[in-house]
Amino acid sequence: MGYMDPFPKGTEISQEFGENATQYNLSGAHTGRDYRVPVGTPIRAAGDGVIDAARTFPNYSNEWITGPMGGKTLILNCGDNEPTFEYAHLSEFLVKEGDRVRKGQIIGLSGESGAATGPHCHVEWLPPRWDIENGTYGRIMPRFTEYYSHIPITPQSSPVGKSKFMAETDFINKEQAEDIAQRAAALVLAGIKDTLNGVLVTNKQQAEDIAQRAAALVKGAK
C-alpha cells in the first residue's frame, strides 16, 4: 500500500529525517521530516486509519514517546500491520480522537506550536512493531509515494460584494467537490486569509460561502 505525503510534491523540506542531533533529539538524529509551510496549511492523512491522539502531550509517558515539544500533535494509526504517523506543531485539529479518516483527508492545519523555531510541520513515520531502540525512537525515514492532486477550478468575476468563486463550477468528480468543501471549512475554522484554488479568501464569510457552494455540489458531482 502506498501512503500520501501530507503536502504537495515539491514542498520545501527544512530538515530531513536523521539530520542534526539536537537537545530535542537525544537519540542522535532528527526523528522526522520538517516541511517549511505557512501557518494554516492543510495537512492530509497518509492513509485510511483512526486518529489515536489529537492533543498536546504533557509528558513522554505514552506509547509513542511523544511529548510537549511537539505542541499540538496528531497520531494516525493505519492498522496493526501498517505504519503509524505523527504530525506535530499544528495550529488546529480538524479531527478528534477516535475519528476514522480516509487517505488524503484534511486532518489539521500546520502551525508553530510547541518547541518550533518557525512555522513548519514535523512528520514522523513509525513502522509496525517499531523498535524503540533503533536510534531514532522507533522512527524511520518517511517513504511517501503518493501526492494529492486535483484539477484546479478557475475562478470567475462576479458582482461586487459577492465571492469571486463561481457557483456553477464544473467539478470533475465527487472527490474534488469534497476537497473544496473541506479546505474552505478549514479556512473558516482557522479564520485566516489564504488562496483557495486561485481565489484569495480574505474573510470568514467568503470562506463560508465557498464551503456552502462546494458542499451543495457534492451530492450532484459525478
Protein backbone atom coordinates (compact mmCIF):
# COMPACT_ATOMS: atom_id res chain seq x y z
CA MET A 1 0.00 0.00 0.00
CA GLY A 2 1.23 3.48 -0.81
CA TYR A 3 0.97 6.38 1.60
CA MET A 4 0.23 10.02 0.83
CA ASP A 5 2.58 12.88 1.55
CA PRO A 6 0.81 15.42 3.78
CA PHE A 7 1.78 18.28 1.43
CA PRO A 8 2.04 18.83 -2.34
CA LYS A 9 5.02 17.44 -4.22
CA GLY A 10 7.92 19.86 -4.14
CA THR A 11 7.11 21.38 -0.73
CA GLU A 12 10.35 22.61 0.85
CA ILE A 13 11.96 20.33 3.44
CA SER A 14 13.67 22.42 6.12
CA GLN A 15 15.15 19.43 7.94
CA GLU A 16 15.22 15.82 6.78
CA PHE A 17 14.96 12.69 8.87
CA GLY A 18 18.24 11.70 10.50
CA GLU A 19 19.88 15.12 10.30
CA ASN A 20 21.43 17.28 13.02
CA ALA A 21 21.25 15.82 16.51
CA THR A 22 19.96 18.47 18.93
CA GLN A 23 18.88 18.80 22.53
CA TYR A 24 15.41 17.66 21.42
CA ASN A 25 16.71 14.55 19.62
CA LEU A 26 18.81 12.93 22.32
CA SER A 27 18.99 9.61 20.48
CA GLY A 28 21.29 11.27 17.97
CA ALA A 29 19.25 12.33 14.96
CA HIS A 30 16.16 14.16 13.77
CA THR A 31 13.21 11.79 14.21
CA GLY A 32 11.06 13.05 11.37
CA ARG A 33 10.79 15.29 8.35
CA ASP A 34 10.15 19.02 8.69
CA TYR A 35 8.10 20.73 5.98
CA ARG A 36 8.51 24.50 5.73
CA VAL A 37 4.89 25.58 5.28
CA PRO A 38 2.97 28.68 6.42
CA VAL A 39 0.72 28.52 9.47
CA GLY A 40 -2.69 27.23 8.41
CA THR A 41 -1.52 24.95 5.58
CA PRO A 42 -3.86 21.91 5.23
CA ILE A 43 -2.36 18.57 6.30
CA ARG A 44 -3.56 15.41 4.56
CA ALA A 45 -3.82 11.93 6.08
CA ALA A 46 -1.23 9.46 4.82
CA GLY A 47 -3.71 6.62 4.69
CA ASP A 48 -7.02 5.25 5.93
CA GLY A 49 -6.98 4.86 9.67
CA VAL A 50 -8.02 6.04 13.13
CA ILE A 51 -6.92 9.15 14.99
CA ASP A 52 -5.33 7.73 18.16
CA ALA A 53 -4.38 11.12 19.57
CA ALA A 54 -5.20 14.79 18.93
CA ARG A 55 -3.64 16.69 21.80
CA THR A 56 -0.63 18.40 23.29
CA PHE A 57 1.17 15.72 25.29
CA PRO A 58 2.08 16.87 28.83
CA ASN A 59 4.99 14.40 29.09
CA TYR A 60 6.61 11.43 27.34
CA SER A 61 4.78 8.73 29.27
CA ASN A 62 2.88 7.33 26.30
CA GLU A 63 3.34 4.52 23.80
CA TRP A 64 4.67 6.87 21.11
CA ILE A 65 7.29 8.56 23.37
CA THR A 66 5.86 11.89 22.24
CA GLY A 67 5.92 14.97 24.47
CA PRO A 68 5.14 18.67 24.83
CA MET A 69 7.89 19.79 22.45
CA GLY A 70 5.64 18.80 19.54
CA GLY A 71 2.87 21.17 20.56
CA LYS A 72 -0.49 20.25 19.06
CA THR A 73 0.08 16.72 17.76
CA LEU A 74 -1.98 14.22 15.74
CA ILE A 75 -1.31 10.46 15.77
CA LEU A 76 -2.78 8.49 12.85
CA ASN A 77 -2.93 4.71 13.26
CA CYS A 78 -3.31 2.94 9.90
CA GLY A 79 -3.66 -0.58 11.33
CA ASP A 80 -1.82 -3.38 13.12
CA ASN A 81 0.35 -4.24 10.13
CA GLU A 82 0.60 -0.72 8.77
CA PRO A 83 2.56 2.39 9.82
CA THR A 84 1.57 4.97 12.39
CA PHE A 85 2.07 8.64 11.51
CA GLU A 86 2.69 11.63 13.75
CA TYR A 87 2.06 15.25 12.74
CA ALA A 88 3.40 17.90 15.14
CA HIS A 89 3.41 21.70 15.71
CA LEU A 90 -0.16 22.10 14.40
CA SER A 91 -2.26 25.23 14.80
CA GLU A 92 -5.64 23.49 14.55
CA PHE A 93 -7.10 19.97 14.72
CA LEU A 94 -9.84 19.24 12.17
CA VAL A 95 -10.47 15.78 13.60
CA LYS A 96 -10.78 14.36 17.11
CA GLU A 97 -9.51 11.25 18.85
CA GLY A 98 -11.35 8.14 17.68
CA ASP A 99 -12.31 9.57 14.27
CA ARG A 100 -11.86 7.32 11.26
CA VAL A 101 -10.25 9.16 8.34
CA ARG A 102 -9.52 8.47 4.69
CA LYS A 103 -6.28 8.80 2.78
CA GLY A 104 -5.95 12.38 1.56
CA GLN A 105 -8.47 13.81 4.02
CA ILE A 106 -7.53 17.14 5.58
CA ILE A 107 -6.98 16.37 9.26
CA GLY A 108 -5.37 19.54 10.57
CA LEU A 109 -3.63 22.82 9.85
CA SER A 110 0.09 23.39 10.21
CA GLY A 111 1.43 25.86 12.75
CA GLU A 112 4.34 26.53 15.09
CA SER A 113 3.09 25.24 18.43
CA GLY A 114 5.45 23.60 20.90
CA ALA A 115 9.23 23.88 20.50
CA ALA A 116 9.20 25.27 16.97
CA THR A 117 11.74 27.76 15.65
CA GLY A 118 9.30 28.87 12.95
CA PRO A 119 6.19 27.76 11.04
CA HIS A 120 6.53 24.14 9.89
CA CYS A 121 5.05 20.67 10.24
CA HIS A 122 7.11 17.83 11.71
CA VAL A 123 6.02 14.43 10.34
CA GLU A 124 7.12 11.05 11.70
CA TRP A 125 6.73 7.52 10.34
CA LEU A 126 6.60 4.62 12.80
CA PRO A 127 6.63 1.16 11.16
CA PRO A 128 4.54 -1.73 12.52
CA ARG A 129 6.01 -3.03 15.80
CA TRP A 130 8.58 -0.23 15.83
CA ASP A 131 11.86 -0.74 17.66
CA ILE A 132 12.24 1.99 20.27
CA GLU A 133 15.97 1.19 20.47
CA ASN A 134 16.73 1.81 16.79
CA GLY A 135 18.45 5.14 17.49
CA THR A 136 15.56 7.39 16.50
CA TYR A 137 12.93 6.22 19.00
CA GLY A 138 11.49 3.73 16.52
CA ARG A 139 11.03 6.28 13.77
CA ILE A 140 12.25 5.63 10.23
CA MET A 141 12.72 7.69 7.06
CA PRO A 142 9.29 8.68 5.64
CA ARG A 143 8.55 6.84 2.39
CA PHE A 144 5.61 8.65 0.87
CA THR A 145 4.85 7.54 -2.68
CA GLU A 146 1.60 9.40 -3.35
CA TYR A 147 0.72 13.06 -3.63
CA TYR A 148 -2.69 14.68 -3.60
CA SER A 149 -3.65 16.30 -6.87
CA HIS A 150 -6.75 17.75 -8.42
CA ILE A 151 -7.64 19.78 -11.46
CA PRO A 152 -7.70 23.48 -10.45
CA ILE A 153 -11.02 25.25 -10.50
CA THR A 154 -10.90 28.52 -12.40
CA PRO A 155 -12.48 31.46 -10.55
CA GLN A 156 -14.55 33.97 -12.48
CA SER A 157 -15.55 37.51 -11.68
CA SER A 158 -18.90 38.22 -10.08
CA PRO A 159 -20.78 41.24 -8.76
CA VAL A 160 -19.01 43.41 -6.23
CA GLY A 161 -19.53 42.22 -2.65
CA LYS A 162 -20.00 38.61 -3.74
CA SER A 163 -17.48 35.78 -3.55
CA LYS A 164 -15.34 35.51 -6.68
CA PHE A 165 -15.86 31.76 -6.58
CA MET A 166 -18.14 30.64 -9.40
CA ALA A 167 -21.25 28.97 -8.01
CA GLU A 168 -21.72 26.94 -11.19
CA THR A 169 -18.18 25.49 -11.16
CA ASP A 170 -17.92 22.22 -13.06
CA PHE A 171 -16.42 19.65 -10.68
CA ILE A 172 -14.56 16.76 -12.27
CA ASN A 173 -15.73 14.26 -9.65
CA LYS A 174 -17.20 13.94 -6.19
CA GLU A 175 -13.77 13.80 -4.53
CA GLN A 176 -12.87 17.20 -5.99
CA ALA A 177 -16.05 18.79 -4.69
CA GLU A 178 -15.46 17.28 -1.24
CA ASP A 179 -11.90 18.58 -1.28
CA ILE A 180 -13.01 22.16 -1.93
CA ALA A 181 -15.62 21.92 0.82
CA GLN A 182 -13.02 20.58 3.28
CA ARG A 183 -10.42 23.21 2.50
CA ALA A 184 -12.92 26.07 2.70
CA ALA A 185 -14.20 24.71 6.01
CA ALA A 186 -10.61 24.60 7.29
CA LEU A 187 -10.23 28.29 6.46
CA VAL A 188 -13.47 29.05 8.28
CA LEU A 189 -12.19 27.31 11.40
CA ALA A 190 -8.81 29.00 11.30
CA GLY A 191 -10.20 32.42 10.39
CA ILE A 192 -7.20 33.09 8.15
CA LYS A 193 -6.50 34.55 4.74
CA ASP A 194 -5.37 32.07 2.12
CA THR A 195 -5.63 31.25 -1.56
CA LEU A 196 -8.20 28.60 -2.41
CA ASN A 197 -7.89 27.39 -5.99
CA GLY A 198 -6.70 30.77 -7.17
CA VAL A 199 -9.18 32.78 -5.12
CA LEU A 200 -7.81 34.90 -2.28
CA VAL A 201 -10.11 34.23 0.66
CA THR A 202 -9.92 37.33 2.83
CA ASN A 203 -12.64 36.81 5.41
CA LYS A 204 -14.67 34.17 7.21
CA GLN A 205 -17.88 35.00 5.34
CA GLN A 206 -16.21 34.40 1.99
CA ALA A 207 -14.80 31.07 3.16
CA GLU A 208 -18.23 30.03 4.46
CA ASP A 209 -19.75 30.97 1.10
CA ILE A 210 -17.26 28.78 -0.76
CA ALA A 211 -17.79 25.91 1.66
CA GLN A 212 -21.57 26.06 1.26
CA ARG A 213 -21.43 26.23 -2.53
CA ALA A 214 -18.97 23.38 -2.82
CA ALA A 215 -20.80 21.22 -0.30
CA ALA A 216 -24.06 21.75 -2.20
CA LEU A 217 -22.39 20.43 -5.34
CA VAL A 218 -21.03 17.27 -3.69
CA LYS A 219 -24.37 15.46 -3.94
CA GLY A 220 -24.65 16.16 -7.64
CA ALA A 221 -20.98 15.60 -8.53
CA LYS A 222 -20.39 12.63 -10.77
